[in-house]
Amino acid sequence: MAAISGTAGSVTLAGTLVAEIAEWSLDLSMSPVDVTAFGDNWAKYVASIRNATGSFSGNHDGASVQQTALRNAMLGGSAVAFALHVNGTSEYNVGTAFLTGVTPSVSQTGAAAMSFNFQVSGPVTYS
């Protein structure tokens, strides 16, 4: 498998590109359950609940309908669905997530930025 460039990555909300996003991350995790019993010589585990959190960030764009919708979802406590694109053909689909933080920032020496943190509620798929 060849390495790929992150330059083709993106975030889409309702199938529309979220403007000015420059990076995203997704943390997928699972906490296996210990089912080791008396007499077992090795610990045994079974699959259990999976979880996902993540973030995406980039330049602040006050005219972006998608950035505005994300900010308003956070302020209103609404769930959102979006896709985190690895490249033009592969993506992680997040069916339901709650934004746990929206961080606008402005620096005199740099561009205005916007960061979104999220907690997934339900499955994440990869296609």
C-alpha atoms as a PDB file:
ATOM      1  CA  MET A   1       0.000   0.000   0.000  1.00  0.00           C
ATOM      2  CA  ALA A   2       1.369   3.377  -0.948  1.00  0.00           C
ATOM      3  CA  ALA A   3       1.280   6.404   1.288  1.00  0.00           C
ATOM      4  CA  ILE A   4      -1.175   9.108   0.299  1.00  0.00           C
ATOM      5  CA  SER A   5      -1.069  12.866   0.582  1.00  0.00           C
ATOM      6  CA  GLY A   6      -3.420  14.632   2.959  1.00  0.00           C
ATOM      7  CA  THR A   7      -4.001  17.381   0.405  1.00  0.00           C
ATOM      8  CA  ALA A   8      -7.079  15.552  -0.920  1.00  0.00           C
ATOM      9  CA  GLY A   9      -8.722  15.327   2.513  1.00  0.00           C
ATOM     10  CA  SER A  10     -11.858  17.264   3.422  1.00  0.00           C
ATOM     11  CA  VAL A  11     -14.914  17.410   5.658  1.00  0.00           C
ATOM     12  CA  THR A  12     -18.432  17.451   4.224  1.00  0.00           C
ATOM     13  CA  LEU A  13     -21.690  18.281   5.979  1.00  0.00           C
ATOM     14  CA  ALA A  14     -24.844  17.015   4.217  1.00  0.00           C
ATOM     15  CA  GLY A  15     -22.675  16.224   1.195  1.00  0.00           C
ATOM     16  CA  THR A  16     -21.335  19.794   0.940  1.00  0.00           C
ATOM     17  CA  LEU A  17     -17.732  20.761   1.579  1.00  0.00           C
ATOM     18  CA  VAL A  18     -17.120  22.605   4.865  1.00  0.00           C
ATOM     19  CA  ALA A  19     -15.139  25.605   3.637  1.00  0.00           C
ATOM     20  CA  GLU A  20     -11.586  26.323   4.761  1.00  0.00           C
ATOM     21  CA  ILE A  21     -11.023  23.163   6.823  1.00  0.00           C
ATOM     22  CA  ALA A  22      -7.340  22.211   6.744  1.00  0.00           C
ATOM     23  CA  GLU A  23      -7.093  19.220   9.082  1.00  0.00           C
ATOM     24  CA  TRP A  24      -9.158  16.575  10.822  1.00  0.00           C
ATOM     25  CA  SER A  25      -8.553  13.733  13.247  1.00  0.00           C
ATOM     26  CA  LEU A  26     -10.657  10.800  14.395  1.00  0.00           C
ATOM     27  CA  ASP A  27      -9.969   8.658  17.478  1.00  0.00           C
ATOM     28  CA  LEU A  28     -11.675   5.252  17.279  1.00  0.00           C
ATOM     29  CA  SER A  29     -11.515   3.126  20.417  1.00  0.00           C
ATOM     30  CA  MET A  30     -12.910  -0.003  22.062  1.00  0.00           C
ATOM     31  CA  SER A  31     -12.778  -1.244  25.660  1.00  0.00           C
ATOM     32  CA  PRO A  32     -12.727  -5.065  25.606  1.00  0.00           C
ATOM     33  CA  VAL A  33     -14.474  -6.827  28.510  1.00  0.00           C
ATOM     34  CA  ASP A  34     -12.450  -9.284  30.621  1.00  0.00           C
ATOM     35  CA  VAL A  35     -14.179 -12.690  30.681  1.00  0.00           C
ATOM     36  CA  THR A  36     -11.321 -14.632  32.280  1.00  0.00           C
ATOM     37  CA  ALA A  37     -12.613 -17.456  34.500  1.00  0.00           C
ATOM     38  CA  PHE A  38     -11.128 -19.669  37.180  1.00  0.00           C
ATOM     39  CA  GLY A  39      -8.794 -22.211  35.626  1.00  0.00           C
ATOM     40  CA  ASP A  40      -7.921 -20.087  32.576  1.00  0.00           C
ATOM     41  CA  ASN A  41      -4.178 -19.815  31.971  1.00  0.00           C
ATOM     42  CA  TRP A  42      -4.499 -16.677  29.867  1.00  0.00           C
ATOM     43  CA  ALA A  43      -6.708 -13.641  30.136  1.00  0.00           C
ATOM     44  CA  LYS A  44      -9.702 -13.711  27.806  1.00  0.00           C
ATOM     45  CA  TYR A  45     -11.566 -10.739  26.385  1.00  0.00           C
ATOM     46  CA  VAL A  46     -14.616 -10.161  24.223  1.00  0.00           C
ATOM     47  CA  ALA A  47     -15.401  -7.174  22.061  1.00  0.00           C
ATOM     48  CA  SER A  48     -17.450  -4.477  23.709  1.00  0.00           C
ATOM     49  CA  ILE A  49     -18.577  -0.913  23.241  1.00  0.00           C
ATOM     50  CA  ARG A  50     -16.784   1.168  20.648  1.00  0.00           C
ATOM     51  CA  ASN A  51     -16.396   4.909  20.823  1.00  0.00           C
ATOM     52  CA  ALA A  52     -15.200   7.733  18.611  1.00  0.00           C
ATOM     53  CA  THR A  53     -14.194  11.329  19.158  1.00  0.00           C
ATOM     54  CA  GLY A  54     -12.362  13.780  16.981  1.00  0.00           C
ATOM     55  CA  SER A  55     -11.862  17.257  15.699  1.00  0.00           C
ATOM     56  CA  PHE A  56     -11.439  19.317  12.565  1.00  0.00           C
ATOM     57  CA  SER A  57     -10.135  22.821  12.116  1.00  0.00           C
ATOM     58  CA  GLY A  58      -9.065  25.439   9.639  1.00  0.00           C
ATOM     59  CA  ASN A  59      -9.591  29.045   8.694  1.00  0.00           C
ATOM     60  CA  HIS A  60     -12.624  30.870  10.059  1.00  0.00           C
ATOM     61  CA  ASP A  61     -15.087  31.686   7.261  1.00  0.00           C
ATOM     62  CA  GLY A  62     -18.034  33.754   8.467  1.00  0.00           C
ATOM     63  CA  ALA A  63     -19.727  33.408   5.072  1.00  0.00           C
ATOM     64  CA  SER A  64     -19.591  29.589   5.116  1.00  0.00           C
ATOM     65  CA  VAL A  65     -23.079  28.108   5.429  1.00  0.00           C
ATOM     66  CA  GLN A  66     -21.564  24.836   6.711  1.00  0.00           C
ATOM     67  CA  GLN A  67     -19.375  26.486   9.376  1.00  0.00           C
ATOM     68  CA  THR A  68     -22.411  28.485  10.511  1.00  0.00           C
ATOM     69  CA  ALA A  69     -24.573  25.333  10.630  1.00  0.00           C
ATOM     70  CA  LEU A  70     -21.949  23.545  12.734  1.00  0.00           C
ATOM     71  CA  ARG A  71     -21.636  26.452  15.156  1.00  0.00           C
ATOM     72  CA  ASN A  72     -25.433  26.679  15.463  1.00  0.00           C
ATOM     73  CA  ALA A  73     -25.702  22.909  16.051  1.00  0.00           C
ATOM     74  CA  MET A  74     -23.277  23.256  18.952  1.00  0.00           C
ATOM     75  CA  LEU A  75     -25.130  26.227  20.425  1.00  0.00           C
ATOM     76  CA  GLY A  76     -28.502  24.492  20.022  1.00  0.00           C
ATOM     77  CA  GLY A  77     -27.382  21.050  21.204  1.00  0.00           C
ATOM     78  CA  SER A  78     -28.318  19.413  17.892  1.00  0.00           C
ATOM     79  CA  ALA A  79     -26.705  16.322  16.424  1.00  0.00           C
ATOM     80  CA  VAL A  80     -24.892  16.512  13.086  1.00  0.00           C
ATOM     81  CA  ALA A  81     -23.865  13.971  10.453  1.00  0.00           C
ATOM     82  CA  PHE A  82     -20.729  14.444   8.352  1.00  0.00           C
ATOM     83  CA  ALA A  83     -17.988  12.661   6.457  1.00  0.00           C
ATOM     84  CA  LEU A  84     -14.241  12.879   6.978  1.00  0.00           C
ATOM     85  CA  HIS A  85     -12.630  12.331   3.590  1.00  0.00           C
ATOM     86  CA  VAL A  86      -9.193  10.746   3.411  1.00  0.00           C
ATOM     87  CA  ASN A  87      -8.968  11.362  -0.322  1.00  0.00           C
ATOM     88  CA  GLY A  88     -11.332  11.409  -3.298  1.00  0.00           C
ATOM     89  CA  THR A  89     -12.439   7.794  -2.803  1.00  0.00           C
ATOM     90  CA  SER A  90     -12.177   6.901   0.910  1.00  0.00           C
ATOM     91  CA  GLU A  91     -14.038   8.404   3.849  1.00  0.00           C
ATOM     92  CA  TYR A  92     -15.199   7.881   7.414  1.00  0.00           C
ATOM     93  CA  ASN A  93     -18.947   8.455   7.683  1.00  0.00           C
ATOM     94  CA  VAL A  94     -20.177   9.789  11.011  1.00  0.00           C
ATOM     95  CA  GLY A  95     -23.949   9.307  11.134  1.00  0.00           C
ATOM     96  CA  THR A  96     -24.585  11.085  14.426  1.00  0.00           C
ATOM     97  CA  ALA A  97     -22.266  13.276  16.459  1.00  0.00           C
ATOM     98  CA  PHE A  98     -22.536  16.071  18.968  1.00  0.00           C
ATOM     99  CA  LEU A  99     -20.150  18.979  18.811  1.00  0.00           C
ATOM    100  CA  THR A 100     -18.506  19.202  22.221  1.00  0.00           C
ATOM    101  CA  GLY A 101     -16.610  22.375  21.466  1.00  0.00           C
ATOM    102  CA  VAL A 102     -16.370  25.108  18.880  1.00  0.00           C
ATOM    103  CA  THR A 103     -13.318  27.310  19.242  1.00  0.00           C
ATOM    104  CA  PRO A 104     -12.958  30.438  17.143  1.00  0.00           C
ATOM    105  CA  SER A 105      -9.609  32.148  17.558  1.00  0.00           C
ATOM    106  CA  VAL A 106      -8.079  35.327  16.217  1.00  0.00           C
ATOM    107  CA  SER A 107      -4.452  36.391  16.289  1.00  0.00           C
ATOM    108  CA  GLN A 108      -3.046  39.749  15.259  1.00  0.00           C
ATOM    109  CA  THR A 109      -0.227  37.942  13.477  1.00  0.00           C
ATOM    110  CA  GLY A 110      -2.229  35.181  11.813  1.00  0.00           C
ATOM    111  CA  ALA A 111      -5.447  34.116  10.175  1.00  0.00           C
ATOM    112  CA  ALA A 112      -8.683  33.803  12.123  1.00  0.00           C
ATOM    113  CA  ALA A 113      -9.198  30.111  12.869  1.00  0.00           C
ATOM    114  CA  MET A 114     -12.071  27.795  13.764  1.00  0.00           C
ATOM    115  CA  SER A 115     -11.881  24.442  15.506  1.00  0.00           C
ATOM    116  CA  PHE A 116     -14.670  21.881  16.055  1.00  0.00           C
ATOM    117  CA  ASN A 117     -14.509  18.971  18.550  1.00  0.00           C
ATOM    118  CA  PHE A 118     -17.040  16.151  18.439  1.00  0.00           C
ATOM    119  CA  GLN A 119     -18.308  13.043  20.245  1.00  0.00           C
ATOM    120  CA  VAL A 120     -19.830  10.356  18.041  1.00  0.00           C
ATOM    121  CA  SER A 121     -23.146   8.764  19.081  1.00  0.00           C
ATOM    122  CA  GLY A 122     -23.557   5.515  17.164  1.00  0.00           C
ATOM    123  CA  PRO A 123     -21.495   3.805  14.479  1.00  0.00           C
ATOM    124  CA  VAL A 124     -18.754   5.150  12.259  1.00  0.00           C
ATOM    125  CA  THR A 125     -18.355   3.459   8.876  1.00  0.00           C
ATOM    126  CA  TYR A 126     -15.506   3.486   6.382  1.00  0.00           C
ATOM    127  CA  SER A 127     -16.021   3.328   2.659  1.00  0.00           C
END
